[in-house]
Amino acid sequence: MRQLLAGILLLIGSAAVFAADTDSAGSGAVPGLSSHSLIVELQNFLRQRNIDVDQLSAGEMVSVMVDWYRLTPVKKVQGDVASDALLYRYGGWSEGCATAFKLSLLRRVTVRDASGANDERLAGITMMFEPSAQAELMPFSAVASGADSIGAFVTAVENSPAFQLLAGATPMGVMVESGGVR
């Protein structure tokens, strides 16, 4: 069941990445820094450290994402990075007949294009859990907008009700993605 759900999530995530990176002329997108390129950077980071996301616990996911944020600067071709932040969020999720409780830690890079408009790029790790045991948890999010706020951010994550409930639980599926809780 876990492998089937992981396959479904991979297809959904891949379709979302493709849709997010499909660009028509004049849309203002910044070449070279897309959600897809952030995912590739994260996957390279994971591969260099021999980390299998399917084997991560929630605590290990936090450590990996914080390390990626601290150790890997954003690569881009054009545009100015307006912000580089970590975004933790969780809540219920439904896609057709599939439901789950999503716990995500994403890197959110905001790029200012030539016209001055801001555009967000997201990439990170999402864990999917069986939804019924978390039904009473309200959606939650926290943001670390700089290296100086990482300690407080990690404390907020670790003290969140979902993290405390799910820190030792085995997720139904884990994926590297460009979205998060809808």
N, C-alpha and C. Protein backbone atom coordinates (compact mmCIF):
# COMPACT_ATOMS: atom_id res chain seq x y z
N MET A 1 0.83 -1.19 0.00
CA MET A 1 0.00 0.00 0.00
C MET A 1 0.87 1.26 0.00
N ARG A 2 1.94 1.24 0.82
CA ARG A 2 2.82 2.40 0.90
C ARG A 2 3.48 2.67 -0.45
N GLN A 3 3.90 1.59 -1.15
CA GLN A 3 4.54 1.75 -2.45
C GLN A 3 3.55 2.28 -3.48
N LEU A 4 2.31 1.83 -3.43
CA LEU A 4 1.30 2.30 -4.36
C LEU A 4 1.04 3.78 -4.13
N LEU A 5 0.86 4.19 -2.86
CA LEU A 5 0.62 5.59 -2.56
C LEU A 5 1.82 6.44 -2.97
N ALA A 6 3.04 5.96 -2.72
CA ALA A 6 4.24 6.70 -3.12
C ALA A 6 4.26 6.89 -4.63
N GLY A 7 3.88 5.87 -5.40
CA GLY A 7 3.83 5.99 -6.85
C GLY A 7 2.80 7.01 -7.30
N ILE A 8 1.64 7.00 -6.67
CA ILE A 8 0.60 7.97 -7.00
C ILE A 8 1.08 9.38 -6.69
N LEU A 9 1.70 9.55 -5.52
CA LEU A 9 2.19 10.87 -5.13
C LEU A 9 3.29 11.35 -6.06
N LEU A 10 4.16 10.44 -6.50
CA LEU A 10 5.21 10.82 -7.43
C LEU A 10 4.61 11.32 -8.73
N LEU A 11 3.58 10.65 -9.23
CA LEU A 11 2.92 11.09 -10.47
C LEU A 11 2.26 12.45 -10.28
N ILE A 12 1.58 12.64 -9.15
CA ILE A 12 0.93 13.93 -8.88
C ILE A 12 1.98 15.02 -8.76
N GLY A 13 3.05 14.75 -8.00
CA GLY A 13 4.13 15.72 -7.82
C GLY A 13 4.81 16.05 -9.13
N SER A 14 5.05 15.04 -9.98
CA SER A 14 5.70 15.27 -11.28
C SER A 14 4.81 16.14 -12.16
N ALA A 15 3.52 15.87 -12.16
CA ALA A 15 2.60 16.68 -12.96
C ALA A 15 2.59 18.12 -12.46
N ALA A 16 2.66 18.32 -11.15
CA ALA A 16 2.67 19.67 -10.60
C ALA A 16 3.95 20.40 -10.98
N VAL A 17 5.08 19.70 -10.94
CA VAL A 17 6.35 20.32 -11.34
C VAL A 17 6.30 20.71 -12.81
N PHE A 18 5.81 19.79 -13.66
CA PHE A 18 5.73 20.08 -15.08
C PHE A 18 4.84 21.29 -15.33
N ALA A 19 3.69 21.33 -14.67
CA ALA A 19 2.77 22.45 -14.85
C ALA A 19 3.38 23.76 -14.35
N ALA A 20 4.10 23.70 -13.23
CA ALA A 20 4.70 24.91 -12.66
C ALA A 20 5.83 25.43 -13.53
N ASP A 21 6.54 24.54 -14.22
CA ASP A 21 7.69 24.96 -15.00
C ASP A 21 7.37 25.20 -16.47
N THR A 22 6.13 24.94 -16.88
CA THR A 22 5.73 25.23 -18.25
C THR A 22 5.48 26.71 -18.32
N ASP A 23 6.16 27.38 -19.23
CA ASP A 23 6.12 28.84 -19.27
C ASP A 23 5.80 29.30 -20.68
N SER A 24 4.95 30.29 -20.78
CA SER A 24 4.71 30.88 -22.08
C SER A 24 5.48 32.19 -22.15
N ALA A 25 5.78 32.63 -23.35
CA ALA A 25 6.57 33.84 -23.53
C ALA A 25 5.88 35.02 -22.86
N GLY A 26 6.69 35.84 -22.21
CA GLY A 26 6.15 37.05 -21.61
C GLY A 26 5.53 36.85 -20.25
N SER A 27 5.67 35.69 -19.61
CA SER A 27 5.03 35.48 -18.31
C SER A 27 5.82 36.09 -17.17
N GLY A 28 7.06 36.52 -17.43
CA GLY A 28 7.86 37.12 -16.37
C GLY A 28 8.64 36.12 -15.56
N ALA A 29 8.63 34.84 -15.91
CA ALA A 29 9.37 33.83 -15.16
C ALA A 29 10.87 34.07 -15.32
N VAL A 30 11.61 33.75 -14.29
CA VAL A 30 13.06 33.93 -14.31
C VAL A 30 13.71 32.65 -14.79
N PRO A 31 14.39 32.68 -15.94
CA PRO A 31 15.05 31.47 -16.43
C PRO A 31 16.13 31.01 -15.46
N GLY A 32 16.28 29.70 -15.30
CA GLY A 32 17.35 29.16 -14.49
C GLY A 32 16.99 28.92 -13.03
N LEU A 33 15.95 29.52 -12.52
CA LEU A 33 15.55 29.26 -11.15
C LEU A 33 14.06 28.95 -11.15
N SER A 34 13.78 27.67 -11.21
CA SER A 34 12.40 27.21 -11.19
C SER A 34 12.23 26.28 -10.01
N SER A 35 11.00 25.93 -9.70
CA SER A 35 10.77 24.93 -8.65
C SER A 35 11.46 23.64 -9.03
N HIS A 36 11.46 23.32 -10.32
CA HIS A 36 12.13 22.10 -10.77
C HIS A 36 13.63 22.15 -10.49
N SER A 37 14.28 23.29 -10.77
CA SER A 37 15.72 23.37 -10.51
C SER A 37 16.01 23.31 -9.02
N LEU A 38 15.12 23.83 -8.18
CA LEU A 38 15.30 23.68 -6.73
C LEU A 38 15.17 22.22 -6.31
N ILE A 39 14.23 21.50 -6.92
CA ILE A 39 14.09 20.07 -6.62
C ILE A 39 15.36 19.32 -7.02
N VAL A 40 15.91 19.66 -8.17
CA VAL A 40 17.15 19.01 -8.61
C VAL A 40 18.27 19.30 -7.61
N GLU A 41 18.37 20.54 -7.14
CA GLU A 41 19.40 20.87 -6.15
C GLU A 41 19.20 20.06 -4.87
N LEU A 42 17.95 19.93 -4.43
CA LEU A 42 17.67 19.14 -3.23
C LEU A 42 18.01 17.68 -3.46
N GLN A 43 17.62 17.14 -4.59
CA GLN A 43 17.92 15.74 -4.90
C GLN A 43 19.44 15.51 -4.95
N ASN A 44 20.18 16.44 -5.52
CA ASN A 44 21.64 16.33 -5.54
C ASN A 44 22.21 16.36 -4.12
N PHE A 45 21.68 17.22 -3.29
CA PHE A 45 22.10 17.31 -1.89
C PHE A 45 21.85 15.98 -1.17
N LEU A 46 20.68 15.41 -1.39
CA LEU A 46 20.34 14.12 -0.77
C LEU A 46 21.24 13.00 -1.30
N ARG A 47 21.46 12.98 -2.59
CA ARG A 47 22.29 11.95 -3.20
C ARG A 47 23.74 12.03 -2.69
N GLN A 48 24.29 13.24 -2.58
CA GLN A 48 25.67 13.41 -2.10
C GLN A 48 25.84 12.88 -0.68
N ARG A 49 24.78 12.91 0.10
CA ARG A 49 24.84 12.46 1.49
C ARG A 49 24.24 11.06 1.68
N ASN A 50 23.91 10.39 0.57
CA ASN A 50 23.33 9.05 0.61
C ASN A 50 22.09 8.98 1.51
N ILE A 51 21.20 9.96 1.35
CA ILE A 51 19.97 10.02 2.14
C ILE A 51 18.81 9.53 1.29
N ASP A 52 18.10 8.52 1.79
CA ASP A 52 16.90 8.00 1.15
C ASP A 52 15.70 8.62 1.87
N VAL A 53 14.96 9.50 1.18
CA VAL A 53 13.86 10.19 1.83
C VAL A 53 12.80 9.24 2.37
N ASP A 54 12.66 8.06 1.75
CA ASP A 54 11.68 7.09 2.23
C ASP A 54 12.02 6.55 3.61
N GLN A 55 13.26 6.71 4.04
CA GLN A 55 13.70 6.20 5.34
C GLN A 55 13.76 7.28 6.42
N LEU A 56 13.41 8.52 6.07
CA LEU A 56 13.51 9.63 7.02
C LEU A 56 12.36 9.63 8.03
N SER A 57 12.68 10.00 9.25
CA SER A 57 11.66 10.31 10.25
C SER A 57 11.37 11.81 10.11
N ALA A 58 10.37 12.29 10.80
CA ALA A 58 10.05 13.72 10.75
C ALA A 58 11.22 14.55 11.27
N GLY A 59 11.86 14.11 12.35
CA GLY A 59 13.00 14.83 12.90
C GLY A 59 14.18 14.87 11.93
N GLU A 60 14.42 13.75 11.27
CA GLU A 60 15.51 13.70 10.28
C GLU A 60 15.20 14.59 9.08
N MET A 61 13.92 14.66 8.70
CA MET A 61 13.52 15.53 7.60
C MET A 61 13.86 16.98 7.94
N VAL A 62 13.58 17.39 9.16
CA VAL A 62 13.87 18.76 9.58
C VAL A 62 15.37 19.01 9.51
N SER A 63 16.17 18.08 10.02
CA SER A 63 17.63 18.25 10.00
C SER A 63 18.17 18.36 8.57
N VAL A 64 17.68 17.50 7.68
CA VAL A 64 18.13 17.51 6.29
C VAL A 64 17.79 18.84 5.63
N MET A 65 16.56 19.29 5.79
CA MET A 65 16.13 20.53 5.14
C MET A 65 16.87 21.74 5.71
N VAL A 66 17.11 21.76 7.01
CA VAL A 66 17.86 22.87 7.61
C VAL A 66 19.30 22.86 7.08
N ASP A 67 19.90 21.68 6.99
CA ASP A 67 21.26 21.58 6.44
C ASP A 67 21.29 22.06 4.99
N TRP A 68 20.32 21.63 4.18
CA TRP A 68 20.28 22.07 2.78
C TRP A 68 20.18 23.59 2.70
N TYR A 69 19.32 24.18 3.54
CA TYR A 69 19.13 25.63 3.56
C TYR A 69 20.42 26.34 3.96
N ARG A 70 21.07 25.86 5.00
CA ARG A 70 22.29 26.50 5.50
C ARG A 70 23.50 26.30 4.57
N LEU A 71 23.63 25.11 3.99
CA LEU A 71 24.86 24.76 3.28
C LEU A 71 24.82 24.97 1.77
N THR A 72 23.63 25.14 1.20
CA THR A 72 23.52 25.24 -0.26
C THR A 72 22.86 26.57 -0.65
N PRO A 73 23.67 27.51 -1.10
CA PRO A 73 23.08 28.78 -1.54
C PRO A 73 22.25 28.58 -2.81
N VAL A 74 21.30 29.46 -3.02
CA VAL A 74 20.43 29.39 -4.19
C VAL A 74 21.25 29.70 -5.45
N LYS A 75 21.08 28.84 -6.47
CA LYS A 75 21.73 29.06 -7.76
C LYS A 75 20.70 29.63 -8.71
N LYS A 76 21.10 30.63 -9.47
CA LYS A 76 20.17 31.23 -10.42
C LYS A 76 20.94 31.76 -11.62
N VAL A 77 20.21 32.00 -12.70
CA VAL A 77 20.82 32.55 -13.89
C VAL A 77 20.50 34.03 -14.00
N GLN A 78 19.25 34.38 -13.77
CA GLN A 78 18.82 35.77 -13.88
C GLN A 78 17.89 36.09 -12.72
N GLY A 79 17.69 37.38 -12.47
CA GLY A 79 16.77 37.82 -11.44
C GLY A 79 17.45 37.97 -10.10
N ASP A 80 16.83 38.74 -9.24
CA ASP A 80 17.34 38.97 -7.89
C ASP A 80 16.55 38.13 -6.90
N VAL A 81 17.25 37.45 -6.00
CA VAL A 81 16.57 36.69 -4.95
C VAL A 81 16.10 37.69 -3.90
N ALA A 82 14.78 37.82 -3.78
CA ALA A 82 14.21 38.74 -2.80
C ALA A 82 14.20 38.12 -1.42
N SER A 83 14.01 36.79 -1.35
CA SER A 83 14.06 36.10 -0.07
C SER A 83 14.30 34.62 -0.28
N ASP A 84 14.88 34.00 0.75
CA ASP A 84 15.15 32.56 0.77
C ASP A 84 14.74 32.12 2.16
N ALA A 85 13.69 31.32 2.27
CA ALA A 85 13.13 30.98 3.57
C ALA A 85 12.77 29.50 3.63
N LEU A 86 12.66 28.99 4.85
CA LEU A 86 12.12 27.66 5.08
C LEU A 86 10.67 27.80 5.52
N LEU A 87 9.82 26.95 5.00
CA LEU A 87 8.39 26.98 5.29
C LEU A 87 7.96 25.59 5.77
N TYR A 88 7.46 25.53 7.00
CA TYR A 88 6.96 24.29 7.58
C TYR A 88 5.45 24.43 7.63
N ARG A 89 4.75 23.43 7.15
CA ARG A 89 3.29 23.49 7.22
C ARG A 89 2.71 22.09 7.20
N TYR A 90 1.53 21.99 7.79
CA TYR A 90 0.84 20.72 7.79
C TYR A 90 -0.65 20.92 7.79
N GLY A 91 -1.36 19.86 7.41
CA GLY A 91 -2.80 19.89 7.39
C GLY A 91 -3.34 18.74 6.55
N GLY A 92 -4.64 18.65 6.49
CA GLY A 92 -5.29 17.61 5.71
C GLY A 92 -5.10 17.84 4.22
N TRP A 93 -5.16 16.76 3.46
CA TRP A 93 -4.96 16.82 2.01
C TRP A 93 -5.90 15.83 1.35
N SER A 94 -6.41 16.21 0.18
CA SER A 94 -7.26 15.32 -0.59
C SER A 94 -7.03 15.60 -2.07
N GLU A 95 -6.86 14.53 -2.83
CA GLU A 95 -6.70 14.63 -4.28
C GLU A 95 -7.57 13.52 -4.87
N GLY A 96 -8.77 13.87 -5.31
CA GLY A 96 -9.70 12.85 -5.80
C GLY A 96 -10.13 11.96 -4.64
N CYS A 97 -9.90 10.67 -4.77
CA CYS A 97 -10.31 9.74 -3.70
C CYS A 97 -9.17 9.47 -2.72
N ALA A 98 -7.99 10.05 -2.92
CA ALA A 98 -6.87 9.86 -2.00
C ALA A 98 -6.86 10.96 -0.95
N THR A 99 -6.74 10.58 0.31
CA THR A 99 -6.65 11.55 1.40
C THR A 99 -5.46 11.20 2.28
N ALA A 100 -4.94 12.22 2.93
CA ALA A 100 -3.81 12.02 3.83
C ALA A 100 -3.65 13.25 4.70
N PHE A 101 -2.76 13.16 5.65
CA PHE A 101 -2.34 14.30 6.45
C PHE A 101 -0.93 14.61 6.01
N LYS A 102 -0.70 15.83 5.48
CA LYS A 102 0.60 16.21 4.93
C LYS A 102 1.38 17.04 5.95
N LEU A 103 2.64 16.68 6.08
CA LEU A 103 3.58 17.45 6.89
C LEU A 103 4.73 17.79 5.96
N SER A 104 4.91 19.08 5.68
CA SER A 104 5.88 19.51 4.67
C SER A 104 6.89 20.49 5.25
N LEU A 105 8.13 20.37 4.77
CA LEU A 105 9.16 21.37 5.04
C LEU A 105 9.74 21.74 3.70
N LEU A 106 9.51 22.98 3.29
CA LEU A 106 9.84 23.45 1.96
C LEU A 106 10.80 24.63 2.02
N ARG A 107 11.58 24.76 0.98
CA ARG A 107 12.40 25.96 0.81
C ARG A 107 11.64 26.85 -0.15
N ARG A 108 11.41 28.09 0.27
CA ARG A 108 10.66 29.04 -0.55
C ARG A 108 11.60 30.17 -0.97
N VAL A 109 11.90 30.21 -2.26
CA VAL A 109 12.76 31.24 -2.80
C VAL A 109 11.88 32.20 -3.60
N THR A 110 11.93 33.47 -3.24
CA THR A 110 11.18 34.49 -3.96
C THR A 110 12.16 35.25 -4.83
N VAL A 111 11.84 35.32 -6.11
CA VAL A 111 12.70 35.97 -7.09
C VAL A 111 11.99 37.20 -7.64
N ARG A 112 12.74 38.29 -7.74
CA ARG A 112 12.21 39.52 -8.34
C ARG A 112 12.69 39.55 -9.79
N ASP A 113 11.74 39.60 -10.71
CA ASP A 113 12.12 39.60 -12.13
C ASP A 113 12.42 41.02 -12.61
N ALA A 114 12.72 41.16 -13.89
CA ALA A 114 13.12 42.45 -14.46
C ALA A 114 12.04 43.52 -14.31
N SER A 115 10.78 43.11 -14.27
CA SER A 115 9.70 44.08 -14.14
C SER A 115 9.46 44.49 -12.69
N GLY A 116 10.15 43.82 -11.75
CA GLY A 116 9.99 44.13 -10.33
C GLY A 116 8.97 43.26 -9.62
N ALA A 117 8.34 42.34 -10.38
CA ALA A 117 7.36 41.44 -9.78
C ALA A 117 8.07 40.30 -9.05
N ASN A 118 7.46 39.84 -7.96
CA ASN A 118 8.00 38.71 -7.20
C ASN A 118 7.33 37.42 -7.63
N ASP A 119 8.12 36.36 -7.68
CA ASP A 119 7.61 35.04 -8.06
C ASP A 119 8.22 34.02 -7.11
N GLU A 120 7.39 33.16 -6.51
CA GLU A 120 7.86 32.16 -5.54
C GLU A 120 8.21 30.86 -6.22
N ARG A 121 9.28 30.23 -5.72
CA ARG A 121 9.70 28.89 -6.12
C ARG A 121 9.74 28.05 -4.85
N LEU A 122 9.17 26.86 -4.88
CA LEU A 122 9.12 25.98 -3.72
C LEU A 122 9.70 24.61 -4.04
N ALA A 123 10.42 24.04 -3.08
CA ALA A 123 10.90 22.67 -3.19
C ALA A 123 11.18 22.16 -1.79
N GLY A 124 10.88 20.90 -1.54
CA GLY A 124 11.15 20.35 -0.21
C GLY A 124 10.69 18.92 -0.09
N ILE A 125 10.52 18.52 1.16
CA ILE A 125 10.13 17.15 1.47
C ILE A 125 8.77 17.17 2.15
N THR A 126 7.90 16.27 1.71
CA THR A 126 6.57 16.13 2.30
C THR A 126 6.37 14.70 2.74
N MET A 127 5.84 14.55 3.94
CA MET A 127 5.48 13.24 4.48
C MET A 127 3.97 13.15 4.53
N MET A 128 3.46 12.01 4.09
CA MET A 128 2.02 11.77 4.09
C MET A 128 1.71 10.71 5.15
N PHE A 129 0.74 11.03 6.02
CA PHE A 129 0.34 10.12 7.08
C PHE A 129 -1.13 9.77 6.94
N GLU A 130 -1.52 8.67 7.56
CA GLU A 130 -2.92 8.26 7.58
C GLU A 130 -3.72 9.39 8.22
N PRO A 131 -4.79 9.86 7.57
CA PRO A 131 -5.44 11.10 7.99
C PRO A 131 -6.31 11.04 9.24
N SER A 132 -6.92 9.91 9.56
CA SER A 132 -7.92 9.91 10.63
C SER A 132 -7.35 10.21 12.01
N ALA A 133 -6.14 9.80 12.29
CA ALA A 133 -5.55 10.04 13.62
C ALA A 133 -5.19 11.50 13.83
N GLN A 134 -5.12 12.29 12.76
CA GLN A 134 -4.74 13.70 12.87
C GLN A 134 -5.92 14.63 12.60
N ALA A 135 -7.12 14.11 12.58
CA ALA A 135 -8.30 14.89 12.21
C ALA A 135 -8.50 16.11 13.10
N GLU A 136 -8.09 16.04 14.37
CA GLU A 136 -8.31 17.15 15.29
C GLU A 136 -7.26 18.25 15.15
N LEU A 137 -6.20 18.02 14.39
CA LEU A 137 -5.14 19.02 14.24
C LEU A 137 -5.53 20.07 13.21
N MET A 138 -5.44 21.32 13.61
CA MET A 138 -5.73 22.42 12.70
C MET A 138 -4.49 22.68 11.84
N PRO A 139 -4.67 23.14 10.58
CA PRO A 139 -3.52 23.47 9.74
C PRO A 139 -2.62 24.49 10.45
N PHE A 140 -1.33 24.39 10.18
CA PHE A 140 -0.34 25.22 10.85
C PHE A 140 0.80 25.51 9.89
N SER A 141 1.43 26.67 10.05
CA SER A 141 2.64 26.96 9.28
C SER A 141 3.58 27.84 10.09
N ALA A 142 4.87 27.72 9.80
CA ALA A 142 5.91 28.55 10.42
C ALA A 142 6.94 28.83 9.35
N VAL A 143 7.60 30.00 9.44
CA VAL A 143 8.58 30.41 8.44
C VAL A 143 9.86 30.86 9.13
N ALA A 144 10.99 30.44 8.57
CA ALA A 144 12.31 30.95 8.96
C ALA A 144 12.81 31.75 7.77
N SER A 145 12.93 33.05 7.96
CA SER A 145 13.29 33.90 6.83
C SER A 145 14.76 34.29 6.78
N GLY A 146 15.57 33.65 7.59
CA GLY A 146 17.01 33.94 7.57
C GLY A 146 17.76 33.00 8.48
N ALA A 147 19.06 32.94 8.29
CA ALA A 147 19.90 32.03 9.08
C ALA A 147 19.82 32.33 10.58
N ASP A 148 19.60 33.58 10.94
CA ASP A 148 19.53 33.95 12.35
C ASP A 148 18.24 33.48 13.03
N SER A 149 17.24 33.08 12.27
CA SER A 149 15.97 32.63 12.86
C SER A 149 15.80 31.11 12.84
N ILE A 150 16.81 30.37 12.40
CA ILE A 150 16.70 28.91 12.27
C ILE A 150 16.45 28.24 13.61
N GLY A 151 17.15 28.65 14.66
CA GLY A 151 16.98 28.02 15.97
C GLY A 151 15.55 28.13 16.47
N ALA A 152 14.98 29.32 16.40
CA ALA A 152 13.59 29.53 16.83
C ALA A 152 12.63 28.76 15.93
N PHE A 153 12.94 28.69 14.64
CA PHE A 153 12.11 27.96 13.70
C PHE A 153 12.08 26.48 14.05
N VAL A 154 13.24 25.88 14.28
CA VAL A 154 13.32 24.45 14.62
C VAL A 154 12.56 24.18 15.91
N THR A 155 12.68 25.08 16.88
CA THR A 155 11.93 24.94 18.13
C THR A 155 10.43 24.98 17.87
N ALA A 156 9.97 25.91 17.02
CA ALA A 156 8.54 25.99 16.69
C ALA A 156 8.07 24.72 16.00
N VAL A 157 8.89 24.19 15.09
CA VAL A 157 8.54 22.94 14.39
C VAL A 157 8.42 21.80 15.39
N GLU A 158 9.45 21.63 16.22
CA GLU A 158 9.48 20.51 17.16
C GLU A 158 8.40 20.62 18.24
N ASN A 159 7.92 21.83 18.53
CA ASN A 159 6.86 22.02 19.52
C ASN A 159 5.47 22.00 18.91
N SER A 160 5.39 21.91 17.59
CA SER A 160 4.07 21.90 16.95
C SER A 160 3.36 20.59 17.28
N PRO A 161 2.03 20.64 17.44
CA PRO A 161 1.28 19.43 17.79
C PRO A 161 1.47 18.27 16.81
N ALA A 162 1.50 18.54 15.51
CA ALA A 162 1.65 17.46 14.53
C ALA A 162 3.03 16.82 14.62
N PHE A 163 4.08 17.62 14.79
CA PHE A 163 5.42 17.06 14.89
C PHE A 163 5.52 16.18 16.13
N GLN A 164 4.99 16.65 17.25
CA GLN A 164 5.06 15.86 18.48
C GLN A 164 4.28 14.56 18.34
N LEU A 165 3.18 14.59 17.64
CA LEU A 165 2.36 13.39 17.42
C LEU A 165 3.00 12.42 16.43
N LEU A 166 3.66 12.96 15.40
CA LEU A 166 4.12 12.13 14.29
C LEU A 166 5.63 11.91 14.24
N ALA A 167 6.38 12.47 15.17
CA ALA A 167 7.85 12.38 15.12
C ALA A 167 8.34 10.95 15.02
N GLY A 168 7.69 10.01 15.67
CA GLY A 168 8.12 8.62 15.63
C GLY A 168 7.29 7.73 14.74
N ALA A 169 6.30 8.32 14.06
CA ALA A 169 5.39 7.53 13.22
C ALA A 169 5.99 7.26 11.85
N THR A 170 5.61 6.15 11.25
CA THR A 170 6.05 5.81 9.90
C THR A 170 5.03 6.40 8.92
N PRO A 171 5.48 7.25 8.01
CA PRO A 171 4.54 7.84 7.04
C PRO A 171 4.09 6.81 6.00
N MET A 172 2.93 7.07 5.39
CA MET A 172 2.45 6.24 4.28
C MET A 172 3.31 6.47 3.05
N GLY A 173 3.83 7.66 2.92
CA GLY A 173 4.66 8.00 1.77
C GLY A 173 5.46 9.26 2.05
N VAL A 174 6.57 9.38 1.36
CA VAL A 174 7.44 10.55 1.47
C VAL A 174 7.81 10.95 0.05
N MET A 175 7.84 12.25 -0.22
CA MET A 175 8.22 12.68 -1.56
C MET A 175 8.96 14.01 -1.52
N VAL A 176 9.80 14.19 -2.50
CA VAL A 176 10.42 15.48 -2.77
C VAL A 176 9.46 16.17 -3.71
N GLU A 177 9.07 17.40 -3.38
CA GLU A 177 8.04 18.04 -4.20
C GLU A 177 8.21 19.54 -4.30
N SER A 178 7.35 20.15 -5.08
CA SER A 178 7.39 21.59 -5.28
C SER A 178 6.14 22.28 -4.78
N GLY A 179 5.40 21.64 -3.91
CA GLY A 179 4.16 22.25 -3.44
C GLY A 179 4.07 22.24 -1.95
N GLY A 180 3.18 21.49 -1.41
CA GLY A 180 2.95 21.41 0.02
C GLY A 180 1.47 21.28 0.29
N VAL A 181 1.06 21.63 1.47
CA VAL A 181 -0.35 21.55 1.83
C VAL A 181 -1.15 22.50 0.98
N ARG A 182 -2.26 22.01 0.45
CA ARG A 182 -3.11 22.87 -0.39
C ARG A 182 -4.14 23.57 0.43
